[in-house]
Amino acid sequence: MTVVAFAVAAAAGAVVRFRLSPFGWRATLAVNLAGSFLLGLLVATRGAASDAATVFGTGFCGALTTFGTFA
């Protein structure tokens, strides 16, 4: 079940990034800041080994930020 949730979260992050991409470098900066902040908030509250960190942190935030795009 975690794999399906991960795929859905990653798809959602990619769609958000794609929708913001026409706005240029400002959108890139905004999604990187938002993704990093959300990932830090998630790890601080839930811990890095939780299913939420896997699904939302790696899935959504990874697909949202340019690190996920670069990797």
N, C-alpha and C. Protein backbone atom coordinates (compact mmCIF):
# COMPACT_ATOMS: atom_id res chain seq x y z
N MET A 1 0.82 -1.20 0.00
CA MET A 1 0.00 0.00 0.00
C MET A 1 0.86 1.27 0.00
N THR A 2 2.01 1.19 0.67
CA THR A 2 2.90 2.35 0.71
C THR A 2 3.42 2.68 -0.69
N VAL A 3 3.64 1.68 -1.50
CA VAL A 3 4.16 1.91 -2.85
C VAL A 3 3.13 2.68 -3.69
N VAL A 4 1.87 2.32 -3.56
CA VAL A 4 0.81 3.02 -4.31
C VAL A 4 0.69 4.46 -3.82
N ALA A 5 0.70 4.66 -2.52
CA ALA A 5 0.62 6.02 -1.96
C ALA A 5 1.83 6.85 -2.38
N PHE A 6 2.99 6.22 -2.41
CA PHE A 6 4.20 6.91 -2.86
C PHE A 6 4.06 7.36 -4.31
N ALA A 7 3.55 6.49 -5.17
CA ALA A 7 3.40 6.83 -6.59
C ALA A 7 2.39 7.96 -6.77
N VAL A 8 1.31 7.93 -6.02
CA VAL A 8 0.29 8.99 -6.12
C VAL A 8 0.87 10.32 -5.63
N ALA A 9 1.60 10.30 -4.54
CA ALA A 9 2.20 11.53 -4.01
C ALA A 9 3.25 12.08 -4.96
N ALA A 10 4.05 11.21 -5.55
CA ALA A 10 5.06 11.66 -6.51
C ALA A 10 4.42 12.25 -7.76
N ALA A 11 3.33 11.66 -8.20
CA ALA A 11 2.61 12.20 -9.36
C ALA A 11 2.04 13.57 -9.04
N ALA A 12 1.51 13.73 -7.84
CA ALA A 12 0.96 15.03 -7.44
C ALA A 12 2.05 16.10 -7.37
N GLY A 13 3.20 15.76 -6.83
CA GLY A 13 4.31 16.70 -6.77
C GLY A 13 4.80 17.10 -8.15
N ALA A 14 4.84 16.13 -9.06
CA ALA A 14 5.28 16.42 -10.43
C ALA A 14 4.28 17.32 -11.16
N VAL A 15 2.99 17.11 -10.91
CA VAL A 15 1.97 17.95 -11.54
C VAL A 15 2.05 19.38 -11.02
N VAL A 16 2.24 19.55 -9.72
CA VAL A 16 2.37 20.90 -9.15
C VAL A 16 3.58 21.60 -9.75
N ARG A 17 4.69 20.91 -9.84
CA ARG A 17 5.89 21.50 -10.42
C ARG A 17 5.68 21.86 -11.89
N PHE A 18 5.03 20.99 -12.64
CA PHE A 18 4.77 21.25 -14.05
C PHE A 18 3.86 22.47 -14.23
N ARG A 19 2.86 22.60 -13.38
CA ARG A 19 1.94 23.74 -13.48
C ARG A 19 2.62 25.06 -13.16
N LEU A 20 3.62 25.03 -12.32
CA LEU A 20 4.32 26.26 -11.95
C LEU A 20 5.51 26.58 -12.85
N SER A 21 5.93 25.64 -13.68
CA SER A 21 7.13 25.83 -14.49
C SER A 21 7.06 27.01 -15.47
N PRO A 22 5.90 27.43 -16.00
CA PRO A 22 5.90 28.59 -16.90
C PRO A 22 6.32 29.91 -16.23
N PHE A 23 6.36 29.94 -14.92
CA PHE A 23 6.71 31.17 -14.21
C PHE A 23 8.22 31.37 -14.05
N GLY A 24 9.02 30.47 -14.60
CA GLY A 24 10.46 30.66 -14.66
C GLY A 24 11.19 30.39 -13.36
N TRP A 25 12.28 31.14 -13.16
CA TRP A 25 13.17 30.88 -12.03
C TRP A 25 12.49 31.17 -10.69
N ARG A 26 11.53 32.05 -10.67
CA ARG A 26 10.82 32.33 -9.41
C ARG A 26 10.04 31.10 -8.94
N ALA A 27 9.45 30.39 -9.87
CA ALA A 27 8.73 29.17 -9.53
C ALA A 27 9.69 28.10 -9.04
N THR A 28 10.86 28.00 -9.66
CA THR A 28 11.87 27.04 -9.22
C THR A 28 12.30 27.34 -7.80
N LEU A 29 12.55 28.59 -7.51
CA LEU A 29 12.92 28.98 -6.16
C LEU A 29 11.80 28.68 -5.17
N ALA A 30 10.58 29.00 -5.55
CA ALA A 30 9.43 28.79 -4.66
C ALA A 30 9.21 27.31 -4.35
N VAL A 31 9.26 26.44 -5.36
CA VAL A 31 9.04 25.02 -5.10
C VAL A 31 10.19 24.40 -4.31
N ASN A 32 11.41 24.88 -4.53
CA ASN A 32 12.53 24.36 -3.74
C ASN A 32 12.42 24.77 -2.28
N LEU A 33 12.05 26.01 -2.04
CA LEU A 33 11.86 26.46 -0.66
C LEU A 33 10.70 25.73 0.01
N ALA A 34 9.59 25.62 -0.70
CA ALA A 34 8.41 24.96 -0.13
C ALA A 34 8.68 23.48 0.13
N GLY A 35 9.30 22.80 -0.84
CA GLY A 35 9.60 21.38 -0.66
C GLY A 35 10.57 21.12 0.48
N SER A 36 11.59 21.95 0.60
CA SER A 36 12.56 21.80 1.69
C SER A 36 11.92 22.08 3.04
N PHE A 37 11.10 23.11 3.10
CA PHE A 37 10.42 23.44 4.35
C PHE A 37 9.48 22.32 4.76
N LEU A 38 8.68 21.83 3.82
CA LEU A 38 7.73 20.75 4.14
C LEU A 38 8.44 19.47 4.57
N LEU A 39 9.54 19.15 3.90
CA LEU A 39 10.29 17.96 4.28
C LEU A 39 10.90 18.10 5.67
N GLY A 40 11.46 19.26 5.96
CA GLY A 40 12.01 19.50 7.30
C GLY A 40 10.95 19.45 8.38
N LEU A 41 9.80 20.03 8.10
CA LEU A 41 8.68 19.99 9.05
C LEU A 41 8.20 18.56 9.28
N LEU A 42 8.11 17.80 8.22
CA LEU A 42 7.67 16.41 8.33
C LEU A 42 8.63 15.57 9.15
N VAL A 43 9.90 15.68 8.87
CA VAL A 43 10.90 14.89 9.59
C VAL A 43 10.97 15.31 11.06
N ALA A 44 10.80 16.60 11.32
CA ALA A 44 10.84 17.08 12.70
C ALA A 44 9.65 16.59 13.51
N THR A 45 8.50 16.41 12.88
CA THR A 45 7.31 16.00 13.63
C THR A 45 7.08 14.50 13.62
N ARG A 46 7.37 13.83 12.51
CA ARG A 46 7.07 12.40 12.39
C ARG A 46 8.30 11.50 12.49
N GLY A 47 9.46 12.02 12.20
CA GLY A 47 10.66 11.20 12.17
C GLY A 47 10.96 10.73 10.76
N ALA A 48 12.20 10.43 10.50
CA ALA A 48 12.62 10.07 9.15
C ALA A 48 12.25 8.65 8.76
N ALA A 49 11.97 7.80 9.73
CA ALA A 49 11.70 6.39 9.43
C ALA A 49 10.22 6.07 9.32
N SER A 50 9.36 7.07 9.31
CA SER A 50 7.93 6.80 9.26
C SER A 50 7.45 6.61 7.83
N ASP A 51 6.27 6.01 7.71
CA ASP A 51 5.68 5.85 6.38
C ASP A 51 5.32 7.19 5.77
N ALA A 52 4.95 8.16 6.61
CA ALA A 52 4.61 9.50 6.10
C ALA A 52 5.84 10.15 5.47
N ALA A 53 7.01 9.94 6.05
CA ALA A 53 8.23 10.50 5.48
C ALA A 53 8.54 9.85 4.14
N THR A 54 8.27 8.57 4.02
CA THR A 54 8.50 7.88 2.76
C THR A 54 7.54 8.37 1.69
N VAL A 55 6.27 8.42 2.02
CA VAL A 55 5.25 8.78 1.03
C VAL A 55 5.30 10.26 0.70
N PHE A 56 5.15 11.10 1.70
CA PHE A 56 5.06 12.54 1.44
C PHE A 56 6.43 13.16 1.24
N GLY A 57 7.39 12.78 2.06
CA GLY A 57 8.72 13.37 1.97
C GLY A 57 9.45 13.00 0.70
N THR A 58 9.61 11.71 0.48
CA THR A 58 10.33 11.28 -0.71
C THR A 58 9.47 11.38 -1.96
N GLY A 59 8.20 11.04 -1.83
CA GLY A 59 7.31 11.08 -2.98
C GLY A 59 6.97 12.48 -3.43
N PHE A 60 6.18 13.19 -2.63
CA PHE A 60 5.70 14.51 -3.03
C PHE A 60 6.82 15.54 -3.06
N CYS A 61 7.55 15.67 -1.96
CA CYS A 61 8.61 16.70 -1.90
C CYS A 61 9.75 16.39 -2.86
N GLY A 62 10.07 15.12 -3.05
CA GLY A 62 11.12 14.76 -3.98
C GLY A 62 10.76 15.08 -5.42
N ALA A 63 9.51 14.85 -5.78
CA ALA A 63 9.07 15.18 -7.14
C ALA A 63 8.86 16.68 -7.32
N LEU A 64 8.57 17.37 -6.24
CA LEU A 64 8.33 18.81 -6.32
C LEU A 64 9.61 19.60 -6.51
N THR A 65 10.64 19.25 -5.79
CA THR A 65 11.88 20.04 -5.82
C THR A 65 12.75 19.67 -7.01
N THR A 66 13.71 20.51 -7.29
CA THR A 66 14.61 20.24 -8.42
C THR A 66 15.56 19.10 -8.12
N PHE A 67 15.78 18.78 -6.85
CA PHE A 67 16.62 17.63 -6.54
C PHE A 67 15.98 16.37 -7.09
N GLY A 68 14.68 16.23 -6.91
CA GLY A 68 13.98 15.07 -7.44
C GLY A 68 14.01 15.06 -8.97
N THR A 69 13.94 16.19 -9.57
CA THR A 69 14.00 16.29 -11.02
C THR A 69 15.40 15.96 -11.51
N PHE A 70 16.43 16.43 -10.82
CA PHE A 70 17.81 16.20 -11.20
C PHE A 70 18.18 14.72 -11.05
N ALA A 71 17.73 14.12 -9.94
CA ALA A 71 18.07 12.72 -9.66
C ALA A 71 17.43 11.82 -10.68
